[in-house]
Protein backbone atom coordinates (compact mmCIF):
# COMPACT_ATOMS: atom_id res chain seq x y z
CA MET A 1 15.60 -27.93 -0.65
CA GLN A 2 17.54 -25.04 0.94
CA MET A 3 18.51 -25.43 4.58
CA LEU A 4 17.95 -22.47 6.87
CA GLY A 5 21.03 -20.70 8.12
CA PRO A 6 21.84 -19.72 11.71
CA SER A 7 19.39 -17.63 13.74
CA ALA A 8 19.83 -14.91 16.34
CA HIS A 9 16.22 -15.15 17.51
CA ILE A 10 15.77 -15.93 21.17
CA ASP A 11 12.02 -15.89 20.61
CA THR A 12 11.67 -18.64 18.00
CA PHE A 13 7.97 -18.10 17.21
CA CYS A 14 8.52 -17.16 13.56
CA ARG A 15 10.87 -19.97 12.66
CA ASP A 16 8.63 -22.40 14.54
CA ASN A 17 5.67 -21.29 12.41
CA LEU A 18 7.24 -21.32 8.96
CA PRO A 19 5.43 -23.53 6.44
CA ALA A 20 6.56 -27.13 6.24
CA ALA A 21 9.44 -27.60 3.81
CA GLU A 22 7.28 -29.55 1.36
CA HIS A 23 4.87 -26.62 1.10
CA LEU A 24 7.50 -23.97 0.34
CA PRO A 25 8.10 -22.63 -3.17
CA ASP A 26 11.35 -23.21 -4.99
CA PHE A 27 13.76 -20.35 -4.22
CA LEU A 28 16.15 -19.39 -7.03
CA LEU A 29 19.00 -17.77 -5.15
CA ASP A 30 22.02 -18.23 -7.40
CA GLY A 31 22.18 -14.51 -8.18
CA PHE A 32 22.24 -13.42 -4.55
CA ASP A 33 25.00 -14.17 -2.07
CA TYR A 34 24.76 -12.69 1.41
CA PRO A 35 26.72 -13.64 4.54
CA ASP A 36 25.13 -15.99 7.04
CA ARG A 37 24.74 -13.07 9.46
CA ILE A 38 23.26 -9.83 8.17
CA ASN A 39 20.90 -7.20 9.56
CA VAL A 40 19.02 -5.30 6.87
CA ALA A 41 18.56 -2.20 9.04
CA GLU A 42 22.29 -1.96 9.68
CA GLU A 43 22.89 -2.31 5.93
CA LEU A 44 20.52 0.59 5.19
CA THR A 45 21.90 2.99 7.81
CA ASP A 46 25.25 2.43 9.56
CA LYS A 47 26.84 0.70 6.57
CA MET A 48 25.71 3.56 4.31
CA VAL A 49 27.51 6.02 6.58
CA THR A 50 30.72 3.98 6.46
CA GLN A 51 30.42 3.93 2.66
CA GLY A 52 30.54 7.74 2.60
CA PHE A 53 26.85 8.66 2.45
CA GLY A 54 26.70 10.24 5.92
CA ASP A 55 26.03 13.77 4.63
CA HIS A 56 23.57 12.67 1.90
CA THR A 57 19.87 13.28 2.49
CA ALA A 58 18.11 10.05 3.47
CA LEU A 59 14.59 11.12 4.47
CA ILE A 60 12.48 14.18 3.71
CA GLY A 61 9.28 14.72 5.64
CA ASN A 62 7.36 17.00 7.96
CA GLY A 63 9.27 20.02 6.71
CA ARG A 64 12.84 18.84 7.20
CA ARG A 65 15.63 16.73 5.75
CA ARG A 66 17.57 14.06 7.61
CA THR A 67 20.98 12.82 6.51
CA TYR A 68 22.13 9.21 6.63
CA LYS A 69 24.29 10.07 9.67
CA GLU A 70 21.28 11.57 11.44
CA LEU A 71 19.16 8.53 10.55
CA SER A 72 21.87 6.18 11.79
CA ASP A 73 22.20 8.03 15.11
CA TRP A 74 18.42 8.32 15.53
CA THR A 75 17.76 4.64 14.91
CA ASN A 76 20.61 3.59 17.20
CA ARG A 77 19.19 5.67 20.04
CA LEU A 78 15.75 4.18 19.47
CA ALA A 79 17.16 0.65 19.35
CA HIS A 80 18.75 1.23 22.76
CA VAL A 81 15.36 2.20 24.17
CA MET A 82 13.73 -0.89 22.71
CA VAL A 83 16.31 -3.19 24.23
CA ASP A 84 17.18 -1.37 27.47
CA ASP A 85 13.82 0.07 28.47
CA LEU A 86 11.15 -1.91 26.62
CA GLY A 87 12.83 -5.30 26.98
CA ILE A 88 12.46 -6.31 23.34
CA LYS A 89 14.25 -9.57 22.59
CA PRO A 90 15.42 -10.85 19.19
CA GLY A 91 12.50 -12.55 17.50
CA ASN A 92 9.78 -10.66 19.41
CA ARG A 93 7.09 -9.24 17.14
CA VAL A 94 6.79 -5.45 17.24
CA LEU A 95 3.83 -3.66 15.66
CA ILE A 96 4.31 -0.13 14.32
CA ARG A 97 1.24 2.06 13.80
CA SER A 98 1.72 5.28 11.90
CA ALA A 99 1.11 7.16 8.70
CA ASN A 100 4.04 7.55 6.28
CA ASN A 101 6.58 9.77 8.02
CA PRO A 102 10.29 9.66 8.92
CA ALA A 103 9.55 8.54 12.49
CA MET A 104 7.81 5.41 11.22
CA VAL A 105 10.82 4.53 9.08
CA ALA A 106 13.12 5.18 12.04
CA CYS A 107 11.06 2.92 14.31
CA TRP A 108 11.02 0.15 11.71
CA LEU A 109 14.79 0.34 11.27
CA ALA A 110 15.45 0.54 15.02
CA ALA A 111 13.25 -2.43 15.86
CA THR A 112 14.96 -4.41 13.09
CA LYS A 113 18.37 -3.47 14.48
CA ALA A 114 17.19 -4.83 17.84
CA GLY A 115 16.46 -8.15 16.13
CA ALA A 116 12.68 -7.82 16.31
CA VAL A 117 10.25 -8.98 13.65
CA VAL A 118 8.32 -5.90 12.55
CA VAL A 119 4.65 -5.69 11.63
CA ASN A 120 3.91 -2.33 9.99
CA SER A 121 0.20 -1.49 10.20
CA MET A 122 -2.21 0.90 8.53
CA PRO A 123 -3.21 3.97 10.55
CA MET A 124 -6.87 3.55 9.61
CA LEU A 125 -7.25 0.13 11.28
CA ARG A 126 -9.66 -0.12 14.22
CA ALA A 127 -9.21 -2.00 17.49
CA GLY A 128 -10.88 -5.17 16.25
CA GLU A 129 -8.75 -5.30 13.11
CA LEU A 130 -5.61 -4.63 15.12
CA ALA A 131 -6.59 -7.40 17.53
CA ALA A 132 -6.76 -9.92 14.67
CA ILE A 133 -3.21 -8.99 13.63
CA VAL A 134 -1.90 -9.03 17.21
CA ASP A 135 -3.40 -12.45 17.86
CA LYS A 136 -2.18 -13.95 14.58
CA ALA A 137 1.42 -12.80 15.10
CA GLU A 138 1.36 -12.96 18.93
CA ILE A 139 2.68 -9.41 19.09
CA SER A 140 4.04 -8.33 22.47
CA HIS A 141 5.18 -4.75 21.79
CA ALA A 142 3.73 -1.85 19.81
CA LEU A 143 5.15 1.52 18.83
CA CYS A 144 2.50 4.05 17.89
CA ASP A 145 2.29 7.63 16.71
CA THR A 146 0.67 9.41 19.66
CA ARG A 147 -2.04 10.78 17.36
CA LEU A 148 -3.23 7.20 16.75
CA LEU A 149 -3.01 5.68 20.23
CA GLU A 150 -6.69 5.32 21.06
CA GLU A 151 -7.58 2.29 18.92
CA LEU A 152 -4.35 0.51 19.82
CA GLU A 153 -4.83 1.08 23.54
CA THR A 154 -8.37 -0.27 23.21
CA CYS A 155 -6.92 -3.34 21.52
CA ALA A 156 -4.32 -3.79 24.28
CA GLU A 157 -6.91 -3.68 27.06
CA THR A 158 -8.21 -7.14 26.19
CA SER A 159 -5.21 -8.63 24.39
CA ALA A 160 -3.59 -11.80 25.67
CA PHE A 161 -0.33 -10.88 23.89
CA LEU A 162 0.10 -7.10 23.62
CA THR A 163 1.70 -6.00 26.89
CA SER A 164 3.61 -2.87 25.86
CA VAL A 165 2.37 0.17 23.90
CA THR A 166 4.81 3.07 23.57
CA GLY A 167 4.06 6.36 21.84
CA PHE A 168 6.34 8.26 19.49
CA ASP A 169 5.93 11.70 17.91
CA GLY A 170 5.37 11.45 14.19
CA THR A 171 5.44 15.24 13.72
CA SER A 172 9.21 15.74 14.26
CA ASN A 173 8.78 17.46 17.63
CA HIS A 174 10.19 14.40 19.46
CA ASP A 175 7.81 15.00 22.32
CA ALA A 176 6.59 11.54 23.31
CA ASP A 177 7.73 8.74 25.62
CA LEU A 178 9.86 6.91 23.06
CA ASP A 179 11.51 10.12 21.87
CA ARG A 180 12.30 11.38 25.36
CA LEU A 181 13.90 8.09 26.34
CA ALA A 182 15.95 8.08 23.14
CA LEU A 183 17.45 11.49 23.86
CA GLU A 184 19.41 9.99 26.77
CA LYS A 185 20.86 7.13 24.74
CA PRO A 186 24.19 6.85 22.89
CA VAL A 187 24.33 7.07 19.11
CA GLN A 188 26.25 3.80 18.85
CA PHE A 189 24.38 0.48 18.92
CA ASP A 190 25.59 -2.96 18.00
CA ALA A 191 22.85 -4.28 15.78
CA VAL A 192 21.78 -7.83 16.53
CA GLN A 193 23.59 -10.12 14.12
CA THR A 194 20.49 -11.73 12.74
CA GLY A 195 20.72 -14.55 10.26
CA ARG A 196 20.01 -13.87 6.60
CA ASP A 197 17.26 -16.48 7.01
CA ASP A 198 15.76 -14.89 10.12
CA VAL A 199 12.33 -13.37 9.60
CA ALA A 200 12.61 -9.58 9.58
CA LEU A 201 9.12 -8.58 8.49
CA LEU A 202 5.57 -9.88 8.65
CA GLY A 203 3.49 -8.37 5.87
CA PHE A 204 -0.27 -8.71 6.24
CA THR A 205 -1.93 -8.92 2.84
CA SER A 206 -4.10 -5.98 1.80
CA GLY A 207 -6.65 -8.22 0.13
CA THR A 208 -7.20 -10.48 3.12
CA THR A 209 -10.73 -11.65 3.75
CA GLY A 210 -11.64 -13.84 6.70
CA SER A 211 -8.74 -14.48 9.07
CA PRO A 212 -5.72 -12.33 8.22
CA LYS A 213 -2.82 -13.76 6.22
CA ALA A 214 0.69 -12.82 7.29
CA THR A 215 3.56 -13.23 4.84
CA MET A 216 7.02 -13.92 6.28
CA HIS A 217 10.06 -12.20 4.80
CA PHE A 218 13.69 -12.83 5.71
CA HIS A 219 16.45 -10.23 6.06
CA ARG A 220 17.85 -11.47 2.75
CA ASP A 221 14.49 -10.95 1.03
CA LEU A 222 14.42 -7.25 1.86
CA LEU A 223 17.84 -6.85 0.25
CA ILE A 224 16.99 -9.04 -2.75
CA ILE A 225 14.17 -6.77 -3.96
CA ALA A 226 16.58 -3.81 -3.92
CA ASP A 227 19.54 -5.66 -5.41
CA GLY A 228 17.22 -7.21 -8.02
CA TYR A 229 14.30 -5.11 -9.24
CA ALA A 230 15.44 -1.69 -8.01
CA ARG A 231 18.97 -2.11 -9.35
CA GLU A 232 18.08 -3.80 -12.63
CA VAL A 233 14.84 -2.09 -13.64
CA LEU A 234 15.02 1.32 -11.95
CA GLY A 235 18.80 1.77 -11.98
CA VAL A 236 18.67 3.72 -8.70
CA THR A 237 21.51 6.18 -8.06
CA PRO A 238 22.39 8.35 -5.03
CA GLU A 239 20.97 11.34 -6.90
CA ASP A 240 17.44 9.92 -6.98
CA VAL A 241 14.59 11.34 -4.92
CA PHE A 242 11.66 8.99 -4.34
CA VAL A 243 8.01 9.91 -3.82
CA GLY A 244 4.81 7.91 -3.74
CA SER A 245 1.45 7.13 -2.23
CA PRO A 246 1.53 3.50 -1.01
CA PRO A 247 1.57 3.11 2.78
CA LEU A 248 4.76 1.82 4.37
CA ALA A 249 2.50 -0.75 6.01
CA PHE A 250 2.35 -2.53 2.64
CA THR A 251 5.42 -4.11 1.11
CA PHE A 252 4.94 -2.11 -2.12
CA GLY A 253 5.36 1.09 -0.10
CA LEU A 254 8.10 -0.17 2.20
CA GLY A 255 10.18 -1.21 -0.78
CA GLY A 256 9.51 1.81 -2.95
CA LEU A 257 9.72 4.48 -0.24
CA ALA A 258 12.28 3.10 2.20
CA ILE A 259 14.29 0.04 1.16
CA PHE A 260 15.06 1.08 -2.42
CA PRO A 261 16.26 4.63 -1.75
CA LEU A 262 18.19 3.74 1.39
CA ARG A 263 19.96 0.81 -0.28
CA PHE A 264 21.54 3.13 -2.86
CA GLY A 265 22.16 6.36 -0.93
CA ALA A 266 19.14 8.11 -2.44
CA ALA A 267 16.48 10.20 -0.67
CA ALA A 268 12.87 9.34 0.18
CA THR A 269 10.14 11.95 0.55
CA LEU A 270 7.37 10.79 2.87
CA LEU A 271 3.84 12.18 2.85
CA GLU A 272 1.25 11.43 5.51
CA ASN A 273 -1.47 12.40 3.05
CA ALA A 274 -0.18 11.42 -0.38
CA SER A 275 -3.04 12.80 -2.45
CA PRO A 276 -2.20 13.52 -6.11
CA PRO A 277 -2.12 17.32 -5.51
CA GLN A 278 0.32 16.87 -2.62
CA MET A 279 2.50 14.55 -4.66
CA VAL A 280 2.54 17.10 -7.47
CA ASP A 281 3.71 19.75 -4.99
CA ILE A 282 6.43 17.52 -3.54
CA ILE A 283 7.70 16.44 -6.95
CA GLN A 284 8.07 20.09 -7.95
CA LYS A 285 9.59 21.20 -4.64
CA TYR A 286 12.20 18.46 -4.29
CA LYS A 287 12.65 17.57 -7.97
CA ALA A 288 11.63 13.99 -7.31
CA THR A 289 12.89 11.50 -9.87
CA VAL A 290 11.10 8.21 -9.03
CA CYS A 291 7.38 7.93 -8.29
CA PHE A 292 5.42 4.92 -7.02
CA THR A 293 1.65 5.15 -7.23
CA ALA A 294 -1.47 3.73 -8.88
CA PRO A 295 -2.90 4.57 -12.33
CA THR A 296 -5.74 6.63 -10.86
CA ALA A 297 -3.21 8.99 -9.27
CA TYR A 298 -1.26 9.30 -12.51
CA ARG A 299 -4.46 10.42 -14.26
CA ALA A 300 -4.82 13.18 -11.66
CA MET A 301 -1.18 14.14 -12.15
CA LEU A 302 -1.73 14.38 -15.89
CA ALA A 303 -4.59 16.78 -15.22
CA ALA A 304 -2.28 18.84 -12.98
CA MET A 305 0.26 19.10 -15.78
CA GLU A 306 -2.48 20.50 -18.00
CA GLN A 307 -2.76 23.28 -15.40
CA GLY A 308 0.95 24.05 -15.60
CA ALA A 309 2.58 21.71 -13.07
CA ASP A 310 6.20 20.88 -13.90
CA LEU A 311 6.89 17.19 -13.31
CA SER A 312 9.81 17.00 -15.72
CA SER A 313 12.19 15.87 -12.95
CA LEU A 314 10.53 12.44 -12.90
CA ARG A 315 12.56 9.87 -14.78
CA ALA A 316 10.63 6.83 -13.53
CA ALA A 317 6.89 6.57 -13.06
CA VAL A 318 6.20 3.14 -11.57
CA SER A 319 2.65 1.85 -11.71
CA ALA A 320 1.54 -1.20 -9.75
CA GLY A 321 -1.21 -2.35 -7.46
CA GLU A 322 -3.83 -1.94 -10.20
CA THR A 323 -3.64 -2.74 -13.89
CA LEU A 324 -2.36 0.16 -15.99
CA PRO A 325 -4.87 1.07 -18.73
CA ALA A 326 -3.30 1.69 -22.13
CA PRO A 327 -4.81 5.22 -22.36
CA VAL A 328 -3.06 6.30 -19.15
CA TYR A 329 0.23 4.85 -20.40
CA GLY A 330 -0.22 6.59 -23.74
CA ASP A 331 -1.23 9.95 -22.27
CA TRP A 332 1.72 9.89 -19.86
CA GLN A 333 4.24 9.16 -22.59
CA ALA A 334 2.73 11.77 -24.88
CA LYS A 335 2.86 14.39 -22.13
CA THR A 336 6.28 13.60 -20.63
CA GLY A 337 8.16 11.76 -23.35
CA LYS A 338 9.01 9.10 -20.78
CA PRO A 339 7.57 5.62 -20.27
CA MET A 340 5.37 4.55 -17.39
CA LEU A 341 6.78 1.33 -15.97
CA ASP A 342 3.90 -1.02 -15.35
CA GLY A 343 4.72 -3.92 -13.07
CA ILE A 344 3.09 -6.54 -10.91
CA GLY A 345 4.05 -7.72 -7.47
CA ALA A 346 2.41 -9.42 -4.52
CA THR A 347 2.75 -9.21 -0.76
CA GLU A 348 3.58 -12.92 -0.85
CA MET A 349 6.45 -12.22 -3.28
CA LEU A 350 7.39 -9.04 -1.36
CA HIS A 351 7.61 -6.73 -4.38
CA ILE A 352 7.51 -6.40 -8.17
CA PHE A 353 8.61 -9.49 -10.12
CA ILE A 354 7.38 -8.65 -13.66
CA SER A 355 7.98 -5.22 -15.17
CA ASN A 356 8.42 -3.14 -18.26
CA ARG A 357 11.84 -1.55 -18.77
CA PHE A 358 12.93 1.93 -19.81
CA ASP A 359 14.16 0.53 -23.12
CA ASP A 360 11.48 -2.14 -23.54
CA HIS A 361 7.90 -1.09 -22.84
CA ARG A 362 4.54 -1.14 -24.55
CA PRO A 363 0.90 -0.36 -23.75
CA ALA A 364 -1.42 -2.97 -22.19
CA CYS A 365 1.62 -5.05 -21.30
CA THR A 366 3.21 -5.86 -17.94
CA GLY A 367 6.58 -6.62 -19.52
CA LYS A 368 8.87 -9.52 -18.73
CA PRO A 369 10.06 -11.16 -15.50
CA VAL A 370 12.68 -9.40 -13.41
CA SER A 371 16.00 -11.28 -13.63
CA ASP A 372 16.14 -14.44 -11.51
CA TYR A 373 12.34 -14.88 -11.67
CA GLU A 374 10.62 -17.42 -13.89
CA VAL A 375 6.96 -17.33 -14.92
CA LYS A 376 4.55 -19.54 -16.80
CA ILE A 377 0.85 -19.52 -17.60
CA ILE A 378 -0.97 -22.63 -16.46
CA GLY A 379 -4.38 -24.16 -17.02
CA PRO A 380 -6.80 -25.70 -14.51
CA ASP A 381 -4.73 -28.89 -14.15
CA GLY A 382 -1.39 -27.11 -13.89
CA GLU A 383 -0.37 -27.68 -17.51
CA THR A 384 1.57 -24.93 -19.28
CA LEU A 385 -0.67 -23.16 -21.78
CA PRO A 386 0.30 -22.16 -25.34
CA ALA A 387 1.24 -18.58 -26.17
CA GLY A 388 -1.71 -16.22 -26.23
CA GLU A 389 -4.01 -18.27 -24.00
CA VAL A 390 -5.26 -16.77 -20.74
CA GLY A 391 -4.57 -18.82 -17.63
CA ARG A 392 -3.23 -18.64 -14.11
CA LEU A 393 0.08 -16.88 -13.48
CA ALA A 394 2.72 -19.05 -11.81
CA VAL A 395 6.03 -17.57 -10.66
CA ARG A 396 9.15 -18.59 -8.79
CA GLY A 397 12.34 -16.76 -7.98
CA PRO A 398 14.53 -15.54 -5.11
CA THR A 399 11.47 -14.49 -3.06
CA GLY A 400 8.29 -16.45 -2.49
CA CYS A 401 5.30 -17.18 -0.31
CA ARG A 402 5.67 -18.18 3.30
CA TYR A 403 2.43 -17.76 5.21
CA LEU A 404 2.61 -17.67 8.99
CA ALA A 405 0.89 -20.80 10.33
CA ASP A 406 -1.73 -20.90 7.58
CA ASP A 407 -3.26 -23.80 5.65
CA ARG A 408 -3.76 -21.43 2.70
CA GLN A 409 -0.04 -21.93 1.97
CA GLN A 410 -0.89 -25.11 0.06
CA GLY A 411 -3.24 -23.19 -2.23
CA TYR A 412 -0.76 -20.44 -3.03
CA VAL A 413 2.24 -22.72 -3.56
CA GLN A 414 1.82 -25.65 -5.92
CA ASN A 415 4.66 -27.87 -7.17
CA GLY A 416 7.21 -25.27 -6.13
CA TRP A 417 5.48 -22.38 -7.95
CA ASN A 418 3.68 -19.39 -6.46
CA ILE A 419 0.15 -19.11 -7.88
CA THR A 420 -0.58 -15.41 -7.50
CA GLY A 421 -4.31 -15.36 -8.24
CA ASP A 422 -3.86 -13.36 -11.46
CA ALA A 423 -5.04 -14.31 -14.93
CA PHE A 424 -2.43 -13.53 -17.60
CA SER A 425 -1.43 -14.48 -21.10
CA MET A 426 2.10 -14.67 -22.49
CA ASP A 427 2.70 -13.82 -26.14
CA ALA A 428 5.11 -15.61 -28.44
CA ASN A 429 7.90 -13.16 -27.53
CA GLY A 430 7.60 -13.74 -23.78
CA TYR A 431 5.72 -10.55 -22.89
CA LEU A 432 3.08 -10.85 -20.15
CA HIS A 433 -0.41 -9.37 -20.54
CA PHE A 434 -2.73 -8.99 -17.57
CA ALA A 435 -6.30 -10.19 -18.02
CA ALA A 436 -7.86 -9.98 -14.56
CA ARG A 437 -7.67 -11.31 -11.08
CA ASN A 438 -8.69 -14.96 -11.34
CA ASP A 439 -11.86 -14.23 -9.40
CA ASP A 440 -12.64 -11.12 -11.51
CA MET A 441 -13.00 -12.84 -14.88
CA ILE A 442 -16.52 -12.26 -16.21
CA VAL A 443 -18.15 -15.26 -17.89
CA SER A 444 -21.08 -14.00 -19.93
CA ALA A 445 -23.06 -16.29 -22.23
CA GLY A 446 -20.02 -18.56 -22.47
CA TYR A 447 -17.55 -15.78 -23.26
CA ASN A 448 -14.61 -15.00 -20.94
CA ILE A 449 -14.36 -11.22 -20.60
CA ALA A 450 -11.54 -9.48 -18.71
CA GLY A 451 -12.83 -6.42 -16.88
CA PRO A 452 -9.59 -4.40 -17.23
CA GLU A 453 -9.83 -4.60 -21.03
CA VAL A 454 -13.31 -3.04 -20.91
CA GLU A 455 -12.07 -0.43 -18.45
CA ALA A 456 -9.24 0.54 -20.80
CA ALA A 457 -11.72 0.97 -23.64
CA LEU A 458 -13.97 3.18 -21.53
CA LEU A 459 -11.06 5.27 -20.24
CA ALA A 460 -10.13 6.11 -23.83
CA HIS A 461 -13.35 8.16 -24.06
CA PRO A 462 -12.92 11.80 -22.95
CA MET A 463 -16.13 11.75 -20.88
CA VAL A 464 -14.79 8.99 -18.59
CA LYS A 465 -12.78 10.15 -15.61
CA GLU A 466 -12.64 6.82 -13.78
CA CYS A 467 -14.32 3.45 -14.13
CA ALA A 468 -14.44 -0.05 -12.72
CA VAL A 469 -15.95 -3.08 -14.42
CA ILE A 470 -17.49 -6.05 -12.64
CA GLY A 471 -19.66 -9.00 -13.50
CA ALA A 472 -23.29 -8.56 -12.48
CA PRO A 473 -25.61 -11.58 -12.13
CA ASP A 474 -27.98 -12.09 -15.07
CA GLU A 475 -30.59 -14.80 -15.43
CA ALA A 476 -30.16 -15.22 -19.18
CA ARG A 477 -26.38 -14.82 -19.52
CA GLY A 478 -25.14 -15.88 -16.10
CA MET A 479 -23.30 -12.57 -15.87
CA VAL A 480 -23.23 -9.32 -17.78
CA VAL A 481 -20.52 -6.71 -17.92
CA GLU A 482 -21.41 -3.84 -15.59
CA ALA A 483 -19.38 -0.61 -15.65
CA HIS A 484 -19.33 1.83 -12.74
CA VAL A 485 -18.33 5.14 -14.28
CA VAL A 486 -17.34 8.58 -13.02
CA ILE A 487 -17.97 11.00 -15.89
CA GLN A 488 -16.73 14.50 -16.56
CA ASN A 489 -18.00 17.33 -18.77
CA ALA A 490 -21.37 15.62 -19.15
CA LYS A 491 -24.54 14.75 -17.26
CA ALA A 492 -25.61 11.17 -16.72
CA SER A 493 -28.28 10.18 -19.21
CA GLY A 494 -29.42 7.41 -21.48
CA ASP A 495 -27.69 9.14 -24.37
CA VAL A 496 -24.37 9.07 -22.50
CA ILE A 497 -24.85 5.37 -21.75
CA LYS A 498 -25.40 4.62 -25.43
CA THR A 499 -22.44 6.77 -26.43
CA LEU A 500 -20.13 4.86 -24.10
CA GLN A 501 -21.51 1.48 -25.13
CA ASP A 502 -21.04 2.29 -28.79
CA HIS A 503 -17.52 3.52 -28.08
CA VAL A 504 -16.59 0.21 -26.41
CA LYS A 505 -18.12 -1.80 -29.28
CA ALA A 506 -15.99 0.17 -31.73
CA THR A 507 -12.83 -0.24 -29.65
CA ILE A 508 -12.85 -3.94 -28.67
CA ALA A 509 -14.90 -7.00 -29.58
CA PRO A 510 -18.56 -5.93 -29.41
CA PHE A 511 -19.63 -8.81 -27.13
CA LYS A 512 -17.49 -7.27 -24.38
CA TYR A 513 -19.44 -4.02 -24.16
CA PRO A 514 -21.01 -3.08 -20.78
CA ARG A 515 -24.69 -3.98 -20.94
CA SER A 516 -25.13 -2.12 -17.66
CA ILE A 517 -23.60 1.27 -16.84
CA VAL A 518 -23.90 2.75 -13.37
CA PHE A 519 -22.88 6.37 -12.83
CA CYS A 520 -21.25 7.30 -9.53
CA ASP A 521 -19.54 10.32 -7.99
CA ALA A 522 -16.43 8.36 -6.94
CA LEU A 523 -15.12 4.81 -6.89
CA PRO A 524 -14.31 3.11 -3.59
CA LYS A 525 -10.55 2.69 -3.16
CA THR A 526 -8.04 1.40 -0.66
CA GLN A 527 -5.37 3.76 0.66
CA THR A 528 -2.99 2.32 -1.94
CA GLY A 529 -5.34 3.39 -4.75
CA LYS A 530 -6.74 -0.04 -5.58
CA ILE A 531 -10.37 0.03 -6.59
CA GLN A 532 -12.47 -2.01 -4.18
CA ARG A 533 -14.49 -3.99 -6.68
CA PHE A 534 -15.89 -6.24 -3.99
CA LEU A 535 -17.87 -3.26 -2.69
CA LEU A 536 -19.28 -2.68 -6.14
CA LYS A 537 -20.19 -6.37 -6.42
CA ALA A 538 -21.90 -6.23 -3.04
CA GLY A 539 -23.94 -3.22 -4.10
CA GLY A 540 -22.45 -1.12 -1.35
CA VAL A 541 -21.57 1.80 -3.61
CA ALA A 542 -23.52 3.37 -6.45
């Protein structure tokens, strides 16, 4: 059992609310050696300047570029405001509310330099949802884009914890309270010498139902995902330019659009509205080389290339957050000559821990574990299953689940392993194949059917633009496969239904075909591009 190192937190709330030692996963840290005292924000800004990256572009957004020296100075000024004017103490929780823009990244870095524990939040959240987060994390301070103040101020009016809400300008005009105060501050700031085992970030899970779950990530964790996955799998260099759609409020976005580029002297392009057409424009304008987004967006980008868009600068197309259908993988490789790197991560694990590689990739496969991670497929009683059998994915490595004051920790961590909630199989060569979320497996007349496999079969038909497969209740079979389909170049009809059903029967085992097909204009999605199947199951969308 690893002992926690020294802490700089005056406010000890986070360390006091870590899971009990016996409920923590095993952490495999032999490949990562950081000093007892380290501040991740200082590593990503001031240290990059001292290493000679001061004149390199760090952030691109809202029509301008910012160098590492500018980012260092900016965040140091902001950190002074947080300490001198807002009274933020090391260990205080600070909520940041903003769309993806350079100011949000600057606020996150500055609050981290001040020793705070940051909670990045989605701009679409309403007062009640914000209140649940504030109460769970006992958040005292909030920094908010002035365009989004209303819901947060409503939350603060009745909050027992949120006592300070300060606005910043997310449009680069620097015309808000936080910005004006920062203009009077020096560009030098001595970052709080936090411990490597101090909590730096609370990540609220995107799939939370009921009371929110907050995952706790140390300063060392934020460096591990860069020094592990980003270095090993992506091979990031200072010449890279990152682009993507996931919100910085989610750890997938924070890693892919802030931590990874800044760790290696690369540049991040930030889009407040990262629709596929906007990403296509940004990739062409800035010659972006690394893209993080979901398979649905890649399909739209493929369509844009058919219209003449030049995305040849991309060397890495990372797909996560939703299973990557083989047809999308195949179409991308055929069009670009480059692989799409499917991977899987989890907020609890912080980022991607299984991935394909540039020199080792294949369709309908999630690849192999990132170095220093171990995985196994387990059955209902925790026994390791033979190759080829579908079971629960268990993983352990240098990062792992720590829920903030939550009994659900004991469900996620079992015998030192993180149980992610995904159903996978592992073949005889150690490659991982996604089946479904554990709660999305369809059991029909005694057969186990993985929805993503049916989706991949449907997507291979030219009439299918998008689809999502769920299990629908059926008196005779318990469940039947039901496909919600967005079609193109055709009108919904019984003939189309039969065509698609026959296509699936000819592509995969016939018993897996969708006995019900529902046509819809669009599928419900989260801001990260995940299809919201629970809405389809509830009958809320048709």
